[in-house]
PDB file of all heavy atoms in Angstrom:
ATOM      1  N   LEU A   1     -82.891 -42.612  80.122  1.00  0.00           N
ATOM      2  CA  LEU A   1     -82.611 -41.812  78.930  1.00  0.00           C
ATOM      3  C   LEU A   1     -83.365 -40.484  78.965  1.00  0.00           C
ATOM      4  O   LEU A   1     -82.798 -39.428  78.666  1.00  0.00           O
ATOM      5  CB  LEU A   1     -82.982 -42.599  77.676  1.00  0.00           C
ATOM      6  CG  LEU A   1     -82.126 -43.832  77.373  1.00  0.00           C
ATOM      7  CD1 LEU A   1     -82.674 -44.585  76.169  1.00  0.00           C
ATOM      8  CD2 LEU A   1     -80.679 -43.431  77.137  1.00  0.00           C
ATOM      9  N   TYR A   2     -84.635 -40.521  79.330  1.00  0.00           N
ATOM     10  CA  TYR A   2     -85.410 -39.285  79.411  1.00  0.00           C
ATOM     11  C   TYR A   2     -84.948 -38.418  80.585  1.00  0.00           C
ATOM     12  O   TYR A   2     -84.965 -37.185  80.506  1.00  0.00           O
ATOM     13  CB  TYR A   2     -86.900 -39.599  79.539  1.00  0.00           C
ATOM     14  CG  TYR A   2     -87.598 -39.792  78.222  1.00  0.00           C
ATOM     15  CD1 TYR A   2     -87.595 -41.025  77.590  1.00  0.00           C
ATOM     16  CD2 TYR A   2     -88.262 -38.732  77.610  1.00  0.00           C
ATOM     17  CE1 TYR A   2     -88.242 -41.214  76.369  1.00  0.00           C
ATOM     18  CE2 TYR A   2     -88.914 -38.908  76.393  1.00  0.00           C
ATOM     19  CZ  TYR A   2     -88.896 -40.145  75.777  1.00  0.00           C
ATOM     20  OH  TYR A   2     -89.529 -40.318  74.567  1.00  0.00           O
ATOM     21  N   GLY A   3     -84.555 -39.070  81.685  1.00  0.00           N
ATOM     22  CA  GLY A   3     -84.073 -38.313  82.833  1.00  0.00           C
ATOM     23  C   GLY A   3     -82.778 -37.580  82.550  1.00  0.00           C
ATOM     24  O   GLY A   3     -82.550 -36.473  83.074  1.00  0.00           O
ATOM     25  N   MET A   4     -81.916 -38.169  81.709  1.00  0.00           N
ATOM     26  CA  MET A   4     -80.661 -37.505  81.358  1.00  0.00           C
ATOM     27  C   MET A   4     -80.921 -36.208  80.605  1.00  0.00           C
ATOM     28  O   MET A   4     -80.148 -35.246  80.726  1.00  0.00           O
ATOM     29  CB  MET A   4     -79.789 -38.426  80.504  1.00  0.00           C
ATOM     30  CG  MET A   4     -79.128 -39.542  81.283  1.00  0.00           C
ATOM     31  SD  MET A   4     -77.799 -40.363  80.360  1.00  0.00           S
ATOM     32  CE  MET A   4     -78.691 -40.972  78.919  1.00  0.00           C
ATOM     33  N   ARG A   5     -81.983 -36.163  79.832  1.00  0.00           N
ATOM     34  CA  ARG A   5     -82.304 -34.934  79.103  1.00  0.00           C
ATOM     35  C   ARG A   5     -82.553 -33.773  80.067  1.00  0.00           C
ATOM     36  O   ARG A   5     -82.027 -32.675  79.900  1.00  0.00           O
ATOM     37  CB  ARG A   5     -83.545 -35.159  78.221  1.00  0.00           C
ATOM     38  CG  ARG A   5     -83.334 -36.147  77.093  1.00  0.00           C
ATOM     39  CD  ARG A   5     -84.648 -36.577  76.462  1.00  0.00           C
ATOM     40  NE  ARG A   5     -85.376 -35.468  75.881  1.00  0.00           N
ATOM     41  CZ  ARG A   5     -85.215 -35.026  74.633  1.00  0.00           C
ATOM     42  NH1 ARG A   5     -84.344 -35.622  73.854  1.00  0.00           N
ATOM     43  NH2 ARG A   5     -85.919 -34.012  74.176  1.00  0.00           N
ATOM     44  N   THR A   6     -83.349 -34.036  81.086  1.00  0.00           N
ATOM     45  CA  THR A   6     -83.643 -32.992  82.069  1.00  0.00           C
ATOM     46  C   THR A   6     -82.403 -32.603  82.856  1.00  0.00           C
ATOM     47  O   THR A   6     -82.129 -31.411  83.067  1.00  0.00           O
ATOM     48  CB  THR A   6     -84.738 -33.469  83.033  1.00  0.00           C
ATOM     49  OG1 THR A   6     -85.906 -33.836  82.298  1.00  0.00           O
ATOM     50  CG2 THR A   6     -85.084 -32.382  84.036  1.00  0.00           C
ATOM     51  N   SER A   7     -81.634 -33.595  83.283  1.00  0.00           N
ATOM     52  CA  SER A   7     -80.440 -33.312  84.079  1.00  0.00           C
ATOM     53  C   SER A   7     -79.424 -32.495  83.291  1.00  0.00           C
ATOM     54  O   SER A   7     -78.843 -31.526  83.801  1.00  0.00           O
ATOM     55  CB  SER A   7     -79.809 -34.627  84.547  1.00  0.00           C
ATOM     56  OG  SER A   7     -80.668 -35.321  85.426  1.00  0.00           O
ATOM     57  N   LEU A   8     -79.180 -32.876  82.037  1.00  0.00           N
ATOM     58  CA  LEU A   8     -78.220 -32.144  81.214  1.00  0.00           C
ATOM     59  C   LEU A   8     -78.705 -30.741  80.906  1.00  0.00           C
ATOM     60  O   LEU A   8     -77.919 -29.789  80.889  1.00  0.00           O
ATOM     61  CB  LEU A   8     -77.949 -32.911  79.918  1.00  0.00           C
ATOM     62  CG  LEU A   8     -77.161 -34.215  80.057  1.00  0.00           C
ATOM     63  CD1 LEU A   8     -77.067 -34.931  78.718  1.00  0.00           C
ATOM     64  CD2 LEU A   8     -75.760 -33.947  80.601  1.00  0.00           C
ATOM     65  N   LEU A   9     -80.013 -30.592  80.672  1.00  0.00           N
ATOM     66  CA  LEU A   9     -80.561 -29.258  80.402  1.00  0.00           C
ATOM     67  C   LEU A   9     -80.394 -28.346  81.606  1.00  0.00           C
ATOM     68  O   LEU A   9     -79.888 -27.216  81.490  1.00  0.00           O
ATOM     69  CB  LEU A   9     -82.037 -29.378  80.035  1.00  0.00           C
ATOM     70  CG  LEU A   9     -82.809 -28.047  79.909  1.00  0.00           C
ATOM     71  CD1 LEU A   9     -82.270 -27.227  78.757  1.00  0.00           C
ATOM     72  CD2 LEU A   9     -84.301 -28.306  79.737  1.00  0.00           C
ATOM     73  N   VAL A  10     -80.800 -28.818  82.773  1.00  0.00           N
ATOM     74  CA  VAL A  10     -80.706 -28.007  83.993  1.00  0.00           C
ATOM     75  C   VAL A  10     -79.255 -27.664  84.305  1.00  0.00           C
ATOM     76  O   VAL A  10     -78.927 -26.510  84.603  1.00  0.00           O
ATOM     77  CB  VAL A  10     -81.355 -28.758  85.177  1.00  0.00           C
ATOM     78  CG1 VAL A  10     -81.058 -28.032  86.485  1.00  0.00           C
ATOM     79  CG2 VAL A  10     -82.849 -28.887  84.970  1.00  0.00           C
ATOM     80  N   ALA A  11     -78.369 -28.650  84.231  1.00  0.00           N
ATOM     81  CA  ALA A  11     -76.972 -28.419  84.575  1.00  0.00           C
ATOM     82  C   ALA A  11     -76.304 -27.472  83.587  1.00  0.00           C
ATOM     83  O   ALA A  11     -75.583 -26.540  83.982  1.00  0.00           O
ATOM     84  CB  ALA A  11     -76.224 -29.750  84.619  1.00  0.00           C
ATOM     85  N   THR A  12     -76.524 -27.673  82.287  1.00  0.00           N
ATOM     86  CA  THR A  12     -75.863 -26.848  81.284  1.00  0.00           C
ATOM     87  C   THR A  12     -76.310 -25.390  81.354  1.00  0.00           C
ATOM     88  O   THR A  12     -75.487 -24.471  81.354  1.00  0.00           O
ATOM     89  CB  THR A  12     -76.135 -27.408  79.874  1.00  0.00           C
ATOM     90  OG1 THR A  12     -75.678 -28.761  79.798  1.00  0.00           O
ATOM     91  CG2 THR A  12     -75.402 -26.593  78.823  1.00  0.00           C
ATOM     92  N   VAL A  13     -77.620 -25.174  81.434  1.00  0.00           N
ATOM     93  CA  VAL A  13     -78.133 -23.801  81.481  1.00  0.00           C
ATOM     94  C   VAL A  13     -77.666 -23.096  82.756  1.00  0.00           C
ATOM     95  O   VAL A  13     -77.237 -21.928  82.714  1.00  0.00           O
ATOM     96  CB  VAL A  13     -79.668 -23.801  81.390  1.00  0.00           C
ATOM     97  CG1 VAL A  13     -80.224 -22.392  81.603  1.00  0.00           C
ATOM     98  CG2 VAL A  13     -80.112 -24.342  80.041  1.00  0.00           C
ATOM     99  N   SER A  14     -77.734 -23.782  83.889  1.00  0.00           N
ATOM    100  CA  SER A  14     -77.347 -23.145  85.156  1.00  0.00           C
ATOM    101  C   SER A  14     -75.855 -22.831  85.192  1.00  0.00           C
ATOM    102  O   SER A  14     -75.453 -21.756  85.661  1.00  0.00           O
ATOM    103  CB  SER A  14     -77.735 -24.044  86.330  1.00  0.00           C
ATOM    104  OG  SER A  14     -77.021 -25.265  86.297  1.00  0.00           O
ATOM    105  N   VAL A  15     -75.016 -23.731  84.686  1.00  0.00           N
ATOM    106  CA  VAL A  15     -73.571 -23.489  84.695  1.00  0.00           C
ATOM    107  C   VAL A  15     -73.202 -22.351  83.754  1.00  0.00           C
ATOM    108  O   VAL A  15     -72.375 -21.490  84.090  1.00  0.00           O
ATOM    109  CB  VAL A  15     -72.809 -24.779  84.330  1.00  0.00           C
ATOM    110  CG1 VAL A  15     -71.344 -24.478  84.065  1.00  0.00           C
ATOM    111  CG2 VAL A  15     -72.919 -25.796  85.457  1.00  0.00           C
ATOM    112  N   LEU A  16     -73.806 -22.300  82.565  1.00  0.00           N
ATOM    113  CA  LEU A  16     -73.508 -21.218  81.630  1.00  0.00           C
ATOM    114  C   LEU A  16     -73.922 -19.865  82.208  1.00  0.00           C
ATOM    115  O   LEU A  16     -73.180 -18.878  82.090  1.00  0.00           O
ATOM    116  CB  LEU A  16     -74.215 -21.474  80.302  1.00  0.00           C
ATOM    117  CG  LEU A  16     -73.662 -22.615  79.442  1.00  0.00           C
ATOM    118  CD1 LEU A  16     -74.513 -22.786  78.183  1.00  0.00           C
ATOM    119  CD2 LEU A  16     -72.210 -22.362  79.062  1.00  0.00           C
ATOM    120  N   ALA A  17     -75.098 -19.819  82.821  1.00  0.00           N
ATOM    121  CA  ALA A  17     -75.553 -18.557  83.417  1.00  0.00           C
ATOM    122  C   ALA A  17     -74.677 -18.165  84.598  1.00  0.00           C
ATOM    123  O   ALA A  17     -74.302 -16.993  84.744  1.00  0.00           O
ATOM    124  CB  ALA A  17     -77.009 -18.689  83.850  1.00  0.00           C
ATOM    125  N   ALA A  18     -74.343 -19.130  85.450  1.00  0.00           N
ATOM    126  CA  ALA A  18     -73.471 -18.834  86.591  1.00  0.00           C
ATOM    127  C   ALA A  18     -72.086 -18.415  86.120  1.00  0.00           C
ATOM    128  O   ALA A  18     -71.454 -17.532  86.722  1.00  0.00           O
ATOM    129  CB  ALA A  18     -73.375 -20.068  87.492  1.00  0.00           C
ATOM    130  N   PHE A  19     -71.611 -19.028  85.046  1.00  0.00           N
ATOM    131  CA  PHE A  19     -70.314 -18.655  84.456  1.00  0.00           C
ATOM    132  C   PHE A  19     -70.336 -17.184  84.034  1.00  0.00           C
ATOM    133  O   PHE A  19     -69.407 -16.418  84.350  1.00  0.00           O
ATOM    134  CB  PHE A  19     -70.031 -19.562  83.260  1.00  0.00           C
ATOM    135  CG  PHE A  19     -68.702 -19.328  82.604  1.00  0.00           C
ATOM    136  CD1 PHE A  19     -67.639 -20.181  82.837  1.00  0.00           C
ATOM    137  CD2 PHE A  19     -68.500 -18.265  81.735  1.00  0.00           C
ATOM    138  CE1 PHE A  19     -66.409 -19.973  82.241  1.00  0.00           C
ATOM    139  CE2 PHE A  19     -67.285 -18.043  81.123  1.00  0.00           C
ATOM    140  CZ  PHE A  19     -66.232 -18.906  81.369  1.00  0.00           C
ATOM    141  N   GLY A  20     -71.379 -16.793  83.300  1.00  0.00           N
ATOM    142  CA  GLY A  20     -71.458 -15.423  82.831  1.00  0.00           C
ATOM    143  C   GLY A  20     -71.548 -14.404  83.957  1.00  0.00           C
ATOM    144  O   GLY A  20     -70.834 -13.391  83.955  1.00  0.00           O
ATOM    145  N   ILE A  21     -72.399 -14.686  84.936  1.00  0.00           N
ATOM    146  CA  ILE A  21     -72.559 -13.752  86.058  1.00  0.00           C
ATOM    147  C   ILE A  21     -71.299 -13.698  86.906  1.00  0.00           C
ATOM    148  O   ILE A  21     -70.786 -12.615  87.232  1.00  0.00           O
ATOM    149  CB  ILE A  21     -73.766 -14.167  86.914  1.00  0.00           C
ATOM    150  CG1 ILE A  21     -75.056 -14.072  86.101  1.00  0.00           C
ATOM    151  CG2 ILE A  21     -73.863 -13.290  88.166  1.00  0.00           C
ATOM    152  CD1 ILE A  21     -76.269 -14.630  86.812  1.00  0.00           C
ATOM    153  N   GLY A  22     -70.782 -14.861  87.284  1.00  0.00           N
ATOM    154  CA  GLY A  22     -69.611 -14.899  88.151  1.00  0.00           C
ATOM    155  C   GLY A  22     -68.378 -14.309  87.502  1.00  0.00           C
ATOM    156  O   GLY A  22     -67.624 -13.554  88.144  1.00  0.00           O
ATOM    157  N   ALA A  23     -68.139 -14.627  86.221  1.00  0.00           N
ATOM    158  CA  ALA A  23     -66.966 -14.078  85.535  1.00  0.00           C
ATOM    159  C   ALA A  23     -67.059 -12.561  85.431  1.00  0.00           C
ATOM    160  O   ALA A  23     -66.054 -11.855  85.610  1.00  0.00           O
ATOM    161  CB  ALA A  23     -66.840 -14.710  84.146  1.00  0.00           C
ATOM    162  N   THR A  24     -68.251 -12.047  85.152  1.00  0.00           N
ATOM    163  CA  THR A  24     -68.424 -10.596  85.062  1.00  0.00           C
ATOM    164  C   THR A  24     -68.143  -9.923  86.395  1.00  0.00           C
ATOM    165  O   THR A  24     -67.417  -8.912  86.457  1.00  0.00           O
ATOM    166  CB  THR A  24     -69.860 -10.267  84.603  1.00  0.00           C
ATOM    167  OG1 THR A  24     -70.102 -10.871  83.327  1.00  0.00           O
ATOM    168  CG2 THR A  24     -70.050  -8.761  84.501  1.00  0.00           C
ATOM    169  N   VAL A  25     -68.681 -10.470  87.474  1.00  0.00           N
ATOM    170  CA  VAL A  25     -68.448  -9.895  88.806  1.00  0.00           C
ATOM    171  C   VAL A  25     -66.963  -9.953  89.162  1.00  0.00           C
ATOM    172  O   VAL A  25     -66.389  -8.976  89.663  1.00  0.00           O
ATOM    173  CB  VAL A  25     -69.286 -10.642  89.859  1.00  0.00           C
ATOM    174  CG1 VAL A  25     -68.896 -10.198  91.269  1.00  0.00           C
ATOM    175  CG2 VAL A  25     -70.769 -10.402  89.627  1.00  0.00           C
ATOM    176  N   GLY A  26     -66.313 -11.091  88.914  1.00  0.00           N
ATOM    177  CA  GLY A  26     -64.900 -11.225  89.249  1.00  0.00           C
ATOM    178  C   GLY A  26     -64.019 -10.292  88.455  1.00  0.00           C
ATOM    179  O   GLY A  26     -63.071  -9.700  89.002  1.00  0.00           O
ATOM    180  N   LEU A  27     -64.297 -10.133  87.165  1.00  0.00           N
ATOM    181  CA  LEU A  27     -63.489  -9.237  86.325  1.00  0.00           C
ATOM    182  C   LEU A  27     -63.649  -7.783  86.761  1.00  0.00           C
ATOM    183  O   LEU A  27     -62.670  -7.032  86.823  1.00  0.00           O
ATOM    184  CB  LEU A  27     -63.887  -9.404  84.864  1.00  0.00           C
ATOM    185  CG  LEU A  27     -63.526 -10.732  84.191  1.00  0.00           C
ATOM    186  CD1 LEU A  27     -64.110 -10.791  82.792  1.00  0.00           C
ATOM    187  CD2 LEU A  27     -62.019 -10.925  84.140  1.00  0.00           C
ATOM    188  N   ILE A  28     -64.877  -7.373  87.054  1.00  0.00           N
ATOM    189  CA  ILE A  28     -65.108  -5.994  87.498  1.00  0.00           C
ATOM    190  C   ILE A  28     -64.409  -5.729  88.823  1.00  0.00           C
ATOM    191  O   ILE A  28     -63.789  -4.674  89.019  1.00  0.00           O
ATOM    192  CB  ILE A  28     -66.620  -5.737  87.609  1.00  0.00           C
ATOM    193  CG1 ILE A  28     -67.266  -5.740  86.219  1.00  0.00           C
ATOM    194  CG2 ILE A  28     -66.897  -4.421  88.323  1.00  0.00           C
ATOM    195  CD1 ILE A  28     -68.769  -5.605  86.231  1.00  0.00           C
TER     196      ILE A  28
END
């Protein structure tokens, strides 16, 4: 249960940031 907190935090933050950077680069 505690491990899921870390995994979800790392995955969610990294995917959102990668989404923003990658989408911006692709659109430009």
